[in-house]
Amino acid sequence: MIYHIAFASDWEKAGERGEYRLSTKGRTLEEQGFIHGGTAAQVAPVANMIYGSDEGLVVLAIDEERLSAPLLYDDAPGWDEPFPHIYGPLNTDAVVAVLALTRGADGKYEFTPPEG
């Protein structure tokens, strides 16, 4: 399972089209060349670094086996583990759950994937 942070409103629009084409905050797939993803451990750090002051976020749980676009793990400067990147549109049927992205008592985003 990989994850992607999205604005809930953008994800709703994707459902109408059958595909999601946003890479990250303020950048499309076409501008970036891929859609940013992350492992469960990468979600909260990225959420706090990129989306710290934003609200209305969800986490898309993506089944890699269902992706129609290529998935590659790329190194990123300053990170120990590579990040999963989707090199094409995200087909909405690869998203198996839409999860809440919540803040802890300190105001920072926290993420714990559901078990199972």
PDB file of N, CA and C in Angstrom:
ATOM      1  N   MET A   1       0.839  -1.170   0.000  1.00  0.00           N
ATOM      2  CA  MET A   1       0.000   0.000   0.000  1.00  0.00           C
ATOM      3  C   MET A   1       0.891   1.243   0.000  1.00  0.00           C
ATOM      4  N   ILE A   2       0.542   2.196  -0.869  1.00  0.00           N
ATOM      5  CA  ILE A   2       1.196   3.499  -0.850  1.00  0.00           C
ATOM      6  C   ILE A   2       0.118   4.540  -0.610  1.00  0.00           C
ATOM      7  N   TYR A   3       0.543   5.772  -0.343  1.00  0.00           N
ATOM      8  CA  TYR A   3      -0.389   6.815   0.049  1.00  0.00           C
ATOM      9  C   TYR A   3      -0.100   8.101  -0.704  1.00  0.00           C
ATOM     10  N   HIS A   4      -1.145   8.901  -0.869  1.00  0.00           N
ATOM     11  CA  HIS A   4      -1.014  10.211  -1.501  1.00  0.00           C
ATOM     12  C   HIS A   4      -1.871  11.197  -0.720  1.00  0.00           C
ATOM     13  N   ILE A   5      -1.296  12.337  -0.377  1.00  0.00           N
ATOM     14  CA  ILE A   5      -2.025  13.400   0.317  1.00  0.00           C
ATOM     15  C   ILE A   5      -2.725  14.245  -0.735  1.00  0.00           C
ATOM     16  N   ALA A   6      -4.009  14.489  -0.533  1.00  0.00           N
ATOM     17  CA  ALA A   6      -4.800  15.256  -1.496  1.00  0.00           C
ATOM     18  C   ALA A   6      -5.772  16.171  -0.763  1.00  0.00           C
ATOM     19  N   PHE A   7      -6.147  17.239  -1.432  1.00  0.00           N
ATOM     20  CA  PHE A   7      -7.259  18.035  -0.941  1.00  0.00           C
ATOM     21  C   PHE A   7      -8.529  17.258  -1.258  1.00  0.00           C
ATOM     22  N   ALA A   8      -9.438  17.173  -0.296  1.00  0.00           N
ATOM     23  CA  ALA A   8     -10.670  16.403  -0.485  1.00  0.00           C
ATOM     24  C   ALA A   8     -11.429  16.880  -1.721  1.00  0.00           C
ATOM     25  N   SER A   9     -11.454  18.178  -1.969  1.00  0.00           N
ATOM     26  CA  SER A   9     -12.181  18.720  -3.121  1.00  0.00           C
ATOM     27  C   SER A   9     -11.566  18.249  -4.439  1.00  0.00           C
ATOM     28  N   ASP A  10     -10.248  18.151  -4.509  1.00  0.00           N
ATOM     29  CA  ASP A  10      -9.596  17.658  -5.726  1.00  0.00           C
ATOM     30  C   ASP A  10      -9.910  16.186  -5.958  1.00  0.00           C
ATOM     31  N   TRP A  11      -9.930  15.413  -4.877  1.00  0.00           N
ATOM     32  CA  TRP A  11     -10.231  13.996  -5.006  1.00  0.00           C
ATOM     33  C   TRP A  11     -11.671  13.797  -5.484  1.00  0.00           C
ATOM     34  N   GLU A  12     -12.590  14.611  -4.982  1.00  0.00           N
ATOM     35  CA  GLU A  12     -13.992  14.506  -5.409  1.00  0.00           C
ATOM     36  C   GLU A  12     -14.115  14.758  -6.914  1.00  0.00           C
ATOM     37  N   LYS A  13     -13.401  15.751  -7.421  1.00  0.00           N
ATOM     38  CA  LYS A  13     -13.424  16.050  -8.857  1.00  0.00           C
ATOM     39  C   LYS A  13     -12.856  14.878  -9.658  1.00  0.00           C
ATOM     40  N   ALA A  14     -11.834  14.225  -9.140  1.00  0.00           N
ATOM     41  CA  ALA A  14     -11.221  13.100  -9.835  1.00  0.00           C
ATOM     42  C   ALA A  14     -12.219  11.954 -10.000  1.00  0.00           C
ATOM     43  N   GLY A  15     -13.079  11.777  -9.015  1.00  0.00           N
ATOM     44  CA  GLY A  15     -14.078  10.718  -9.093  1.00  0.00           C
ATOM     45  C   GLY A  15     -14.997  10.883 -10.282  1.00  0.00           C
ATOM     46  N   GLU A  16     -15.255  12.124 -10.663  1.00  0.00           N
ATOM     47  CA  GLU A  16     -16.118  12.397 -11.814  1.00  0.00           C
ATOM     48  C   GLU A  16     -15.408  12.042 -13.123  1.00  0.00           C
ATOM     49  N   ARG A  17     -14.080  12.175 -13.150  1.00  0.00           N
ATOM     50  CA  ARG A  17     -13.300  11.936 -14.374  1.00  0.00           C
ATOM     51  C   ARG A  17     -12.743  10.511 -14.467  1.00  0.00           C
ATOM     52  N   GLY A  18     -12.669   9.826 -13.330  1.00  0.00           N
ATOM     53  CA  GLY A  18     -12.115   8.480 -13.326  1.00  0.00           C
ATOM     54  C   GLY A  18     -10.604   8.431 -13.192  1.00  0.00           C
ATOM     55  N   GLU A  19      -9.966   9.617 -13.077  1.00  0.00           N
ATOM     56  CA  GLU A  19      -8.528   9.661 -12.861  1.00  0.00           C
ATOM     57  C   GLU A  19      -8.156  10.934 -12.119  1.00  0.00           C
ATOM     58  N   TYR A  20      -7.044  10.838 -11.424  1.00  0.00           N
ATOM     59  CA  TYR A  20      -6.526  11.941 -10.603  1.00  0.00           C
ATOM     60  C   TYR A  20      -5.205  12.366 -11.219  1.00  0.00           C
ATOM     61  N   ARG A  21      -5.021  13.706 -11.407  1.00  0.00           N
ATOM     62  CA  ARG A  21      -3.860  14.190 -12.152  1.00  0.00           C
ATOM     63  C   ARG A  21      -3.094  15.281 -11.411  1.00  0.00           C
ATOM     64  N   LEU A  22      -3.150  15.301 -10.091  1.00  0.00           N
ATOM     65  CA  LEU A  22      -2.392  16.293  -9.331  1.00  0.00           C
ATOM     66  C   LEU A  22      -1.194  15.616  -8.682  1.00  0.00           C
ATOM     67  N   SER A  23      -0.045  16.253  -8.782  1.00  0.00           N
ATOM     68  CA  SER A  23       1.176  15.662  -8.250  1.00  0.00           C
ATOM     69  C   SER A  23       1.328  15.946  -6.771  1.00  0.00           C
ATOM     70  N   THR A  24       1.240  17.207  -6.435  1.00  0.00           N
ATOM     71  CA  THR A  24       1.413  17.669  -5.069  1.00  0.00           C
ATOM     72  C   THR A  24       0.796  19.051  -4.985  1.00  0.00           C
ATOM     73  N   LYS A  25       0.867  19.683  -3.863  1.00  0.00           N
ATOM     74  CA  LYS A  25       0.265  21.001  -3.654  1.00  0.00           C
ATOM     75  C   LYS A  25       0.725  21.983  -4.738  1.00  0.00           C
ATOM     76  N   GLY A  26      -0.247  22.445  -5.521  1.00  0.00           N
ATOM     77  CA  GLY A  26       0.033  23.458  -6.516  1.00  0.00           C
ATOM     78  C   GLY A  26       0.691  22.984  -7.800  1.00  0.00           C
ATOM     79  N   ARG A  27       0.855  21.666  -7.972  1.00  0.00           N
ATOM     80  CA  ARG A  27       1.514  21.149  -9.187  1.00  0.00           C
ATOM     81  C   ARG A  27       0.731  19.976  -9.762  1.00  0.00           C
ATOM     82  N   THR A  28       0.574  20.019 -11.066  1.00  0.00           N
ATOM     83  CA  THR A  28      -0.127  18.948 -11.756  1.00  0.00           C
ATOM     84  C   THR A  28       0.850  17.839 -12.159  1.00  0.00           C
ATOM     85  N   LEU A  29       0.293  16.738 -12.594  1.00  0.00           N
ATOM     86  CA  LEU A  29       1.087  15.637 -13.131  1.00  0.00           C
ATOM     87  C   LEU A  29       1.936  16.126 -14.300  1.00  0.00           C
ATOM     88  N   GLU A  30       1.338  16.936 -15.159  1.00  0.00           N
ATOM     89  CA  GLU A  30       2.052  17.427 -16.331  1.00  0.00           C
ATOM     90  C   GLU A  30       3.227  18.314 -15.937  1.00  0.00           C
ATOM     91  N   GLU A  31       3.065  19.124 -14.910  1.00  0.00           N
ATOM     92  CA  GLU A  31       4.145  20.011 -14.469  1.00  0.00           C
ATOM     93  C   GLU A  31       5.276  19.246 -13.780  1.00  0.00           C
ATOM     94  N   GLN A  32       4.934  18.247 -12.994  1.00  0.00           N
ATOM     95  CA  GLN A  32       5.919  17.523 -12.194  1.00  0.00           C
ATOM     96  C   GLN A  32       6.493  16.299 -12.904  1.00  0.00           C
ATOM     97  N   GLY A  33       5.676  15.653 -13.719  1.00  0.00           N
ATOM     98  CA  GLY A  33       6.118  14.449 -14.418  1.00  0.00           C
ATOM     99  C   GLY A  33       5.698  13.160 -13.732  1.00  0.00           C
ATOM    100  N   PHE A  34       5.213  13.257 -12.521  1.00  0.00           N
ATOM    101  CA  PHE A  34       4.736  12.100 -11.765  1.00  0.00           C
ATOM    102  C   PHE A  34       3.839  12.584 -10.642  1.00  0.00           C
ATOM    103  N   ILE A  35       3.135  11.646 -10.015  1.00  0.00           N
ATOM    104  CA  ILE A  35       2.314  11.945  -8.842  1.00  0.00           C
ATOM    105  C   ILE A  35       3.082  11.471  -7.620  1.00  0.00           C
ATOM    106  N   HIS A  36       3.267  12.385  -6.681  1.00  0.00           N
ATOM    107  CA  HIS A  36       3.989  12.060  -5.447  1.00  0.00           C
ATOM    108  C   HIS A  36       3.189  11.065  -4.612  1.00  0.00           C
ATOM    109  N   GLY A  37       3.876  10.084  -4.090  1.00  0.00           N
ATOM    110  CA  GLY A  37       3.297   9.141  -3.153  1.00  0.00           C
ATOM    111  C   GLY A  37       4.218   9.010  -1.963  1.00  0.00           C
ATOM    112  N   GLY A  38       3.802   8.221  -1.012  1.00  0.00           N
ATOM    113  CA  GLY A  38       4.632   7.993   0.158  1.00  0.00           C
ATOM    114  C   GLY A  38       4.262   6.694   0.832  1.00  0.00           C
ATOM    115  N   THR A  39       5.168   6.227   1.653  1.00  0.00           N
ATOM    116  CA  THR A  39       4.873   5.093   2.517  1.00  0.00           C
ATOM    117  C   THR A  39       4.107   5.623   3.721  1.00  0.00           C
ATOM    118  N   ALA A  40       3.594   4.741   4.534  1.00  0.00           N
ATOM    119  CA  ALA A  40       2.859   5.180   5.728  1.00  0.00           C
ATOM    120  C   ALA A  40       3.729   6.069   6.610  1.00  0.00           C
ATOM    121  N   ALA A  41       5.005   5.715   6.745  1.00  0.00           N
ATOM    122  CA  ALA A  41       5.908   6.491   7.601  1.00  0.00           C
ATOM    123  C   ALA A  41       6.244   7.859   7.017  1.00  0.00           C
ATOM    124  N   GLN A  42       6.061   8.041   5.723  1.00  0.00           N
ATOM    125  CA  GLN A  42       6.393   9.316   5.084  1.00  0.00           C
ATOM    126  C   GLN A  42       5.229  10.303   5.069  1.00  0.00           C
ATOM    127  N   VAL A  43       4.006   9.840   5.302  1.00  0.00           N
ATOM    128  CA  VAL A  43       2.830  10.704   5.175  1.00  0.00           C
ATOM    129  C   VAL A  43       2.878  11.887   6.129  1.00  0.00           C
ATOM    130  N   ALA A  44       2.991  11.665   7.417  1.00  0.00           N
ATOM    131  CA  ALA A  44       2.946  12.774   8.380  1.00  0.00           C
ATOM    132  C   ALA A  44       4.087  13.773   8.187  1.00  0.00           C
ATOM    133  N   PRO A  45       5.344  13.333   8.021  1.00  0.00           N
ATOM    134  CA  PRO A  45       6.407  14.314   7.794  1.00  0.00           C
ATOM    135  C   PRO A  45       6.168  15.177   6.554  1.00  0.00           C
ATOM    136  N   VAL A  46       5.706  14.565   5.473  1.00  0.00           N
ATOM    137  CA  VAL A  46       5.428  15.332   4.252  1.00  0.00           C
ATOM    138  C   VAL A  46       4.239  16.261   4.474  1.00  0.00           C
ATOM    139  N   ALA A  47       3.202  15.779   5.129  1.00  0.00           N
ATOM    140  CA  ALA A  47       2.031  16.620   5.395  1.00  0.00           C
ATOM    141  C   ALA A  47       2.430  17.863   6.183  1.00  0.00           C
ATOM    142  N   ASN A  48       3.265  17.692   7.181  1.00  0.00           N
ATOM    143  CA  ASN A  48       3.670  18.840   7.998  1.00  0.00           C
ATOM    144  C   ASN A  48       4.620  19.774   7.252  1.00  0.00           C
ATOM    145  N   MET A  49       5.463  19.227   6.390  1.00  0.00           N
ATOM    146  CA  MET A  49       6.421  20.045   5.659  1.00  0.00           C
ATOM    147  C   MET A  49       5.752  20.817   4.517  1.00  0.00           C
ATOM    148  N   ILE A  50       4.867  20.173   3.769  1.00  0.00           N
ATOM    149  CA  ILE A  50       4.283  20.763   2.567  1.00  0.00           C
ATOM    150  C   ILE A  50       2.910  21.391   2.825  1.00  0.00           C
ATOM    151  N   TYR A  51       2.106  20.749   3.662  1.00  0.00           N
ATOM    152  CA  TYR A  51       0.715  21.156   3.858  1.00  0.00           C
ATOM    153  C   TYR A  51       0.429  21.648   5.274  1.00  0.00           C
ATOM    154  N   GLY A  52       1.452  22.024   6.020  1.00  0.00           N
ATOM    155  CA  GLY A  52       1.298  22.332   7.438  1.00  0.00           C
ATOM    156  C   GLY A  52       0.195  23.305   7.789  1.00  0.00           C
ATOM    157  N   SER A  53      -0.045  24.316   6.963  1.00  0.00           N
ATOM    158  CA  SER A  53      -1.071  25.318   7.276  1.00  0.00           C
ATOM    159  C   SER A  53      -2.387  25.047   6.544  1.00  0.00           C
ATOM    160  N   ASP A  54      -2.467  23.967   5.787  1.00  0.00           N
ATOM    161  CA  ASP A  54      -3.669  23.664   5.004  1.00  0.00           C
ATOM    162  C   ASP A  54      -4.649  22.788   5.776  1.00  0.00           C
ATOM    163  N   GLU A  55      -5.912  22.932   5.403  1.00  0.00           N
ATOM    164  CA  GLU A  55      -6.989  22.099   5.947  1.00  0.00           C
ATOM    165  C   GLU A  55      -7.689  21.411   4.779  1.00  0.00           C
ATOM    166  N   GLY A  56      -8.594  20.508   5.079  1.00  0.00           N
ATOM    167  CA  GLY A  56      -9.371  19.844   4.039  1.00  0.00           C
ATOM    168  C   GLY A  56      -8.603  18.771   3.299  1.00  0.00           C
ATOM    169  N   LEU A  57      -7.654  18.133   3.997  1.00  0.00           N
ATOM    170  CA  LEU A  57      -6.819  17.113   3.378  1.00  0.00           C
ATOM    171  C   LEU A  57      -7.317  15.704   3.690  1.00  0.00           C
ATOM    172  N   VAL A  58      -7.059  14.793   2.765  1.00  0.00           N
ATOM    173  CA  VAL A  58      -7.313  13.375   2.966  1.00  0.00           C
ATOM    174  C   VAL A  58      -6.071  12.619   2.508  1.00  0.00           C
ATOM    175  N   VAL A  59      -6.003  11.366   2.876  1.00  0.00           N
ATOM    176  CA  VAL A  59      -4.922  10.489   2.413  1.00  0.00           C
ATOM    177  C   VAL A  59      -5.557   9.387   1.576  1.00  0.00           C
ATOM    178  N   LEU A  60      -5.094   9.278   0.338  1.00  0.00           N
ATOM    179  CA  LEU A  60      -5.579   8.224  -0.542  1.00  0.00           C
ATOM    180  C   LEU A  60      -4.727   6.980  -0.320  1.00  0.00           C
ATOM    181  N   ALA A  61      -5.354   5.881   0.032  1.00  0.00           N
ATOM    182  CA  ALA A  61      -4.661   4.597   0.177  1.00  0.00           C
ATOM    183  C   ALA A  61      -4.741   3.908  -1.175  1.00  0.00           C
ATOM    184  N   ILE A  62      -3.576   3.644  -1.756  1.00  0.00           N
ATOM    185  CA  ILE A  62      -3.497   3.154  -3.131  1.00  0.00           C
ATOM    186  C   ILE A  62      -2.914   1.738  -3.151  1.00  0.00           C
ATOM    187  N   ASP A  63      -3.625   0.850  -3.804  1.00  0.00           N
ATOM    188  CA  ASP A  63      -3.150  -0.514  -4.008  1.00  0.00           C
ATOM    189  C   ASP A  63      -2.272  -0.506  -5.259  1.00  0.00           C
ATOM    190  N   GLU A  64      -0.982  -0.697  -5.067  1.00  0.00           N
ATOM    191  CA  GLU A  64      -0.033  -0.633  -6.185  1.00  0.00           C
ATOM    192  C   GLU A  64      -0.367  -1.630  -7.291  1.00  0.00           C
ATOM    193  N   GLU A  65      -0.955  -2.758  -6.920  1.00  0.00           N
ATOM    194  CA  GLU A  65      -1.290  -3.793  -7.901  1.00  0.00           C
ATOM    195  C   GLU A  65      -2.377  -3.335  -8.874  1.00  0.00           C
ATOM    196  N   ARG A  66      -3.145  -2.337  -8.468  1.00  0.00           N
ATOM    197  CA  ARG A  66      -4.256  -1.862  -9.301  1.00  0.00           C
ATOM    198  C   ARG A  66      -3.886  -0.674 -10.179  1.00  0.00           C
ATOM    199  N   LEU A  67      -2.694  -0.147 -10.021  1.00  0.00           N
ATOM    200  CA  LEU A  67      -2.288   1.026 -10.801  1.00  0.00           C
ATOM    201  C   LEU A  67      -2.196   0.688 -12.284  1.00  0.00           C
ATOM    202  N   SER A  68      -2.669   1.595 -13.113  1.00  0.00           N
ATOM    203  CA  SER A  68      -2.512   1.412 -14.555  1.00  0.00           C
ATOM    204  C   SER A  68      -1.272   2.141 -15.069  1.00  0.00           C
ATOM    205  N   ALA A  69      -0.716   3.068 -14.294  1.00  0.00           N
ATOM    206  CA  ALA A  69       0.504   3.794 -14.661  1.00  0.00           C
ATOM    207  C   ALA A  69       1.699   3.179 -13.923  1.00  0.00           C
ATOM    208  N   PRO A  70       2.893   3.338 -14.469  1.00  0.00           N
ATOM    209  CA  PRO A  70       4.094   2.790 -13.813  1.00  0.00           C
ATOM    210  C   PRO A  70       4.354   3.423 -12.439  1.00  0.00           C
ATOM    211  N   LEU A  71       4.856   2.610 -11.530  1.00  0.00           N
ATOM    212  CA  LEU A  71       5.241   3.043 -10.188  1.00  0.00           C
ATOM    213  C   LEU A  71       6.734   2.799 -10.012  1.00  0.00           C
ATOM    214  N   LEU A  72       7.451   3.849  -9.635  1.00  0.00           N
ATOM    215  CA  LEU A  72       8.883   3.734  -9.373  1.00  0.00           C
ATOM    216  C   LEU A  72       9.193   4.334  -8.015  1.00  0.00           C
ATOM    217  N   TYR A  73      10.192   3.787  -7.339  1.00  0.00           N
ATOM    218  CA  TYR A  73      10.656   4.337  -6.068  1.00  0.00           C
ATOM    219  C   TYR A  73      11.908   5.154  -6.356  1.00  0.00           C
ATOM    220  N   ASP A  74      11.825   6.451  -6.084  1.00  0.00           N
ATOM    221  CA  ASP A  74      12.908   7.373  -6.382  1.00  0.00           C
ATOM    222  C   ASP A  74      13.505   7.952  -5.105  1.00  0.00           C
ATOM    223  N   ASP A  75      14.817   8.084  -5.098  1.00  0.00           N
ATOM    224  CA  ASP A  75      15.494   8.736  -3.974  1.00  0.00           C
ATOM    225  C   ASP A  75      15.153  10.217  -3.973  1.00  0.00           C
ATOM    226  N   ALA A  76      15.098  10.782  -2.769  1.00  0.00           N
ATOM    227  CA  ALA A  76      14.852  12.216  -2.604  1.00  0.00           C
ATOM    228  C   ALA A  76      15.899  12.767  -1.650  1.00  0.00           C
ATOM    229  N   PRO A  77      16.496  13.892  -2.000  1.00  0.00           N
ATOM    230  CA  PRO A  77      17.515  14.480  -1.131  1.00  0.00           C
ATOM    231  C   PRO A  77      16.984  14.719   0.285  1.00  0.00           C
ATOM    232  N   GLY A  78      17.763  14.306   1.276  1.00  0.00           N
ATOM    233  CA  GLY A  78      17.392  14.530   2.668  1.00  0.00           C
ATOM    234  C   GLY A  78      16.525  13.449   3.287  1.00  0.00           C
ATOM    235  N   TRP A  79      16.174  12.434   2.533  1.00  0.00           N
ATOM    236  CA  TRP A  79      15.326  11.349   3.034  1.00  0.00           C
ATOM    237  C   TRP A  79      16.087  10.035   2.951  1.00  0.00           C
ATOM    238  N   ASP A  80      15.926   9.213   3.967  1.00  0.00           N
ATOM    239  CA  ASP A  80      16.606   7.913   3.991  1.00  0.00           C
ATOM    240  C   ASP A  80      15.970   6.902   3.048  1.00  0.00           C
ATOM    241  N   GLU A  81      14.662   6.940   2.951  1.00  0.00           N
ATOM    242  CA  GLU A  81      13.937   5.966   2.146  1.00  0.00           C
ATOM    243  C   GLU A  81      13.453   6.608   0.847  1.00  0.00           C
ATOM    244  N   PRO A  82      13.451   5.865  -0.248  1.00  0.00           N
ATOM    245  CA  PRO A  82      12.924   6.410  -1.509  1.00  0.00           C
ATOM    246  C   PRO A  82      11.410   6.598  -1.429  1.00  0.00           C
ATOM    247  N   PHE A  83      10.905   7.455  -2.290  1.00  0.00           N
ATOM    248  CA  PHE A  83       9.479   7.748  -2.358  1.00  0.00           C
ATOM    249  C   PHE A  83       8.851   7.056  -3.559  1.00  0.00           C
ATOM    250  N   PRO A  84       7.635   6.515  -3.387  1.00  0.00           N
ATOM    251  CA  PRO A  84       6.921   5.954  -4.534  1.00  0.00           C
ATOM    252  C   PRO A  84       6.337   7.081  -5.391  1.00  0.00           C
ATOM    253  N   HIS A  85       6.586   7.032  -6.686  1.00  0.00           N
ATOM    254  CA  HIS A  85       6.067   8.018  -7.622  1.00  0.00           C
ATOM    255  C   HIS A  85       5.303   7.299  -8.724  1.00  0.00           C
ATOM    256  N   ILE A  86       4.143   7.831  -9.052  1.00  0.00           N
ATOM    257  CA  ILE A  86       3.289   7.258 -10.092  1.00  0.00           C
ATOM    258  C   ILE A  86       3.510   8.074 -11.362  1.00  0.00           C
ATOM    259  N   TYR A  87       4.019   7.420 -12.398  1.00  0.00           N
ATOM    260  CA  TYR A  87       4.382   8.103 -13.641  1.00  0.00           C
ATOM    261  C   TYR A  87       3.246   8.045 -14.655  1.00  0.00           C
ATOM    262  N   GLY A  88       2.163   8.690 -14.297  1.00  0.00           N
ATOM    263  CA  GLY A  88       0.972   8.781 -15.136  1.00  0.00           C
ATOM    264  C   GLY A  88      -0.217   9.081 -14.253  1.00  0.00           C
ATOM    265  N   PRO A  89      -1.399   9.197 -14.850  1.00  0.00           N
ATOM    266  CA  PRO A  89      -2.590   9.476 -14.045  1.00  0.00           C
ATOM    267  C   PRO A  89      -2.871   8.350 -13.055  1.00  0.00           C
ATOM    268  N   LEU A  90      -3.416   8.722 -11.922  1.00  0.00           N
ATOM    269  CA  LEU A  90      -3.850   7.746 -10.925  1.00  0.00           C
ATOM    270  C   LEU A  90      -5.281   7.342 -11.256  1.00  0.00           C
ATOM    271  N   ASN A  91      -5.464   6.097 -11.659  1.00  0.00           N
ATOM    272  CA  ASN A  91      -6.809   5.583 -11.915  1.00  0.00           C
ATOM    273  C   ASN A  91      -7.536   5.461 -10.575  1.00  0.00           C
ATOM    274  N   THR A  92      -8.741   6.002 -10.516  1.00  0.00           N
ATOM    275  CA  THR A  92      -9.447   6.073  -9.235  1.00  0.00           C
ATOM    276  C   THR A  92      -9.766   4.708  -8.644  1.00  0.00           C
ATOM    277  N   ASP A  93      -9.858   3.681  -9.470  1.00  0.00           N
ATOM    278  CA  ASP A  93     -10.157   2.358  -8.912  1.00  0.00           C
ATOM    279  C   ASP A  93      -8.955   1.715  -8.219  1.00  0.00           C
ATOM    280  N   ALA A  94      -7.794   2.356  -8.273  1.00  0.00           N
ATOM    281  CA  ALA A  94      -6.633   1.877  -7.505  1.00  0.00           C
ATOM    282  C   ALA A  94      -6.676   2.376  -6.066  1.00  0.00           C
ATOM    283  N   VAL A  95      -7.529   3.363  -5.803  1.00  0.00           N
ATOM    284  CA  VAL A  95      -7.671   3.911  -4.446  1.00  0.00           C
ATOM    285  C   VAL A  95      -8.663   3.046  -3.687  1.00  0.00           C
ATOM    286  N   VAL A  96      -8.169   2.382  -2.655  1.00  0.00           N
ATOM    287  CA  VAL A  96      -9.002   1.437  -1.912  1.00  0.00           C
ATOM    288  C   VAL A  96      -9.602   2.042  -0.651  1.00  0.00           C
ATOM    289  N   ALA A  97      -9.111   3.209  -0.242  1.00  0.00           N
ATOM    290  CA  ALA A  97      -9.676   3.901   0.921  1.00  0.00           C
ATOM    291  C   ALA A  97      -9.266   5.362   0.872  1.00  0.00           C
ATOM    292  N   VAL A  98     -10.139   6.192   1.399  1.00  0.00           N
ATOM    293  CA  VAL A  98      -9.848   7.616   1.578  1.00  0.00           C
ATOM    294  C   VAL A  98      -9.853   7.841   3.089  1.00  0.00           C
ATOM    295  N   LEU A  99      -8.688   8.193   3.612  1.00  0.00           N
ATOM    296  CA  LEU A  99      -8.486   8.255   5.057  1.00  0.00           C
ATOM    297  C   LEU A  99      -8.361   9.695   5.540  1.00  0.00           C
ATOM    298  N   ALA A 100      -8.755   9.912   6.769  1.00  0.00           N
ATOM    299  CA  ALA A 100      -8.632  11.237   7.368  1.00  0.00           C
ATOM    300  C   ALA A 100      -7.169  11.534   7.677  1.00  0.00           C
ATOM    301  N   LEU A 101      -6.813  12.779   7.533  1.00  0.00           N
ATOM    302  CA  LEU A 101      -5.497  13.257   7.959  1.00  0.00           C
ATOM    303  C   LEU A 101      -5.779  14.210   9.108  1.00  0.00           C
ATOM    304  N   THR A 102      -5.430  13.802  10.306  1.00  0.00           N
ATOM    305  CA  THR A 102      -5.799  14.558  11.501  1.00  0.00           C
ATOM    306  C   THR A 102      -4.573  15.180  12.165  1.00  0.00           C
ATOM    307  N   ARG A 103      -4.840  16.134  13.022  1.00  0.00           N
ATOM    308  CA  ARG A 103      -3.781  16.804  13.771  1.00  0.00           C
ATOM    309  C   ARG A 103      -3.785  16.298  15.217  1.00  0.00           C
ATOM    310  N   GLY A 104      -2.592  16.213  15.776  1.00  0.00           N
ATOM    311  CA  GLY A 104      -2.453  15.836  17.178  1.00  0.00           C
ATOM    312  C   GLY A 104      -2.625  17.052  18.069  1.00  0.00           C
ATOM    313  N   ALA A 105      -2.452  16.851  19.367  1.00  0.00           N
ATOM    314  CA  ALA A 105      -2.595  17.925  20.350  1.00  0.00           C
ATOM    315  C   ALA A 105      -1.614  19.069  20.101  1.00  0.00           C
ATOM    316  N   ASP A 106      -0.489  18.770  19.471  1.00  0.00           N
ATOM    317  CA  ASP A 106       0.513  19.802  19.184  1.00  0.00           C
ATOM    318  C   ASP A 106       0.226  20.568  17.891  1.00  0.00           C
ATOM    319  N   GLY A 107      -0.872  20.217  17.200  1.00  0.00           N
ATOM    320  CA  GLY A 107      -1.251  20.895  15.970  1.00  0.00           C
ATOM    321  C   GLY A 107      -0.605  20.337  14.722  1.00  0.00           C
ATOM    322  N   LYS A 108       0.259  19.357  14.868  1.00  0.00           N
ATOM    323  CA  LYS A 108       0.929  18.760  13.709  1.00  0.00           C
ATOM    324  C   LYS A 108       0.119  17.576  13.189  1.00  0.00           C
ATOM    325  N   TYR A 109       0.220  17.368  11.887  1.00  0.00           N
ATOM    326  CA  TYR A 109      -0.461  16.227  11.295  1.00  0.00           C
ATOM    327  C   TYR A 109       0.135  14.925  11.798  1.00  0.00           C
ATOM    328  N   GLU A 110      -0.751  13.959  11.998  1.00  0.00           N
ATOM    329  CA  GLU A 110      -0.382  12.597  12.400  1.00  0.00           C
ATOM    330  C   GLU A 110      -1.031  11.641  11.405  1.00  0.00           C
ATOM    331  N   PHE A 111      -0.400  10.495  11.185  1.00  0.00           N
ATOM    332  CA  PHE A 111      -1.009   9.500  10.318  1.00  0.00           C
ATOM    333  C   PHE A 111      -0.619   8.112  10.782  1.00  0.00           C
ATOM    334  N   THR A 112      -1.644   7.317  11.010  1.00  0.00           N
ATOM    335  CA  THR A 112      -1.468   5.902  11.307  1.00  0.00           C
ATOM    336  C   THR A 112      -2.390   5.139  10.380  1.00  0.00           C
ATOM    337  N   PRO A 113      -1.846   4.319   9.484  1.00  0.00           N
ATOM    338  CA  PRO A 113      -2.717   3.598   8.569  1.00  0.00           C
ATOM    339  C   PRO A 113      -3.576   2.587   9.315  1.00  0.00           C
ATOM    340  N   PRO A 114      -4.757   2.301   8.787  1.00  0.00           N
ATOM    341  CA  PRO A 114      -5.595   1.280   9.434  1.00  0.00           C
ATOM    342  C   PRO A 114      -4.920  -0.086   9.333  1.00  0.00           C
ATOM    343  N   GLU A 115      -5.190  -0.917  10.287  1.00  0.00           N
ATOM    344  CA  GLU A 115      -4.632  -2.278  10.272  1.00  0.00           C
ATOM    345  C   GLU A 115      -5.384  -3.124   9.257  1.00  0.00           C
ATOM    346  N   GLY A 116      -4.669  -4.076   8.695  1.00  0.00           N
ATOM    347  CA  GLY A 116      -5.304  -5.000   7.771  1.00  0.00           C
ATOM    348  C   GLY A 116      -5.043  -4.584   6.410  1.00  0.00           C
TER     349      GLY A 116
END
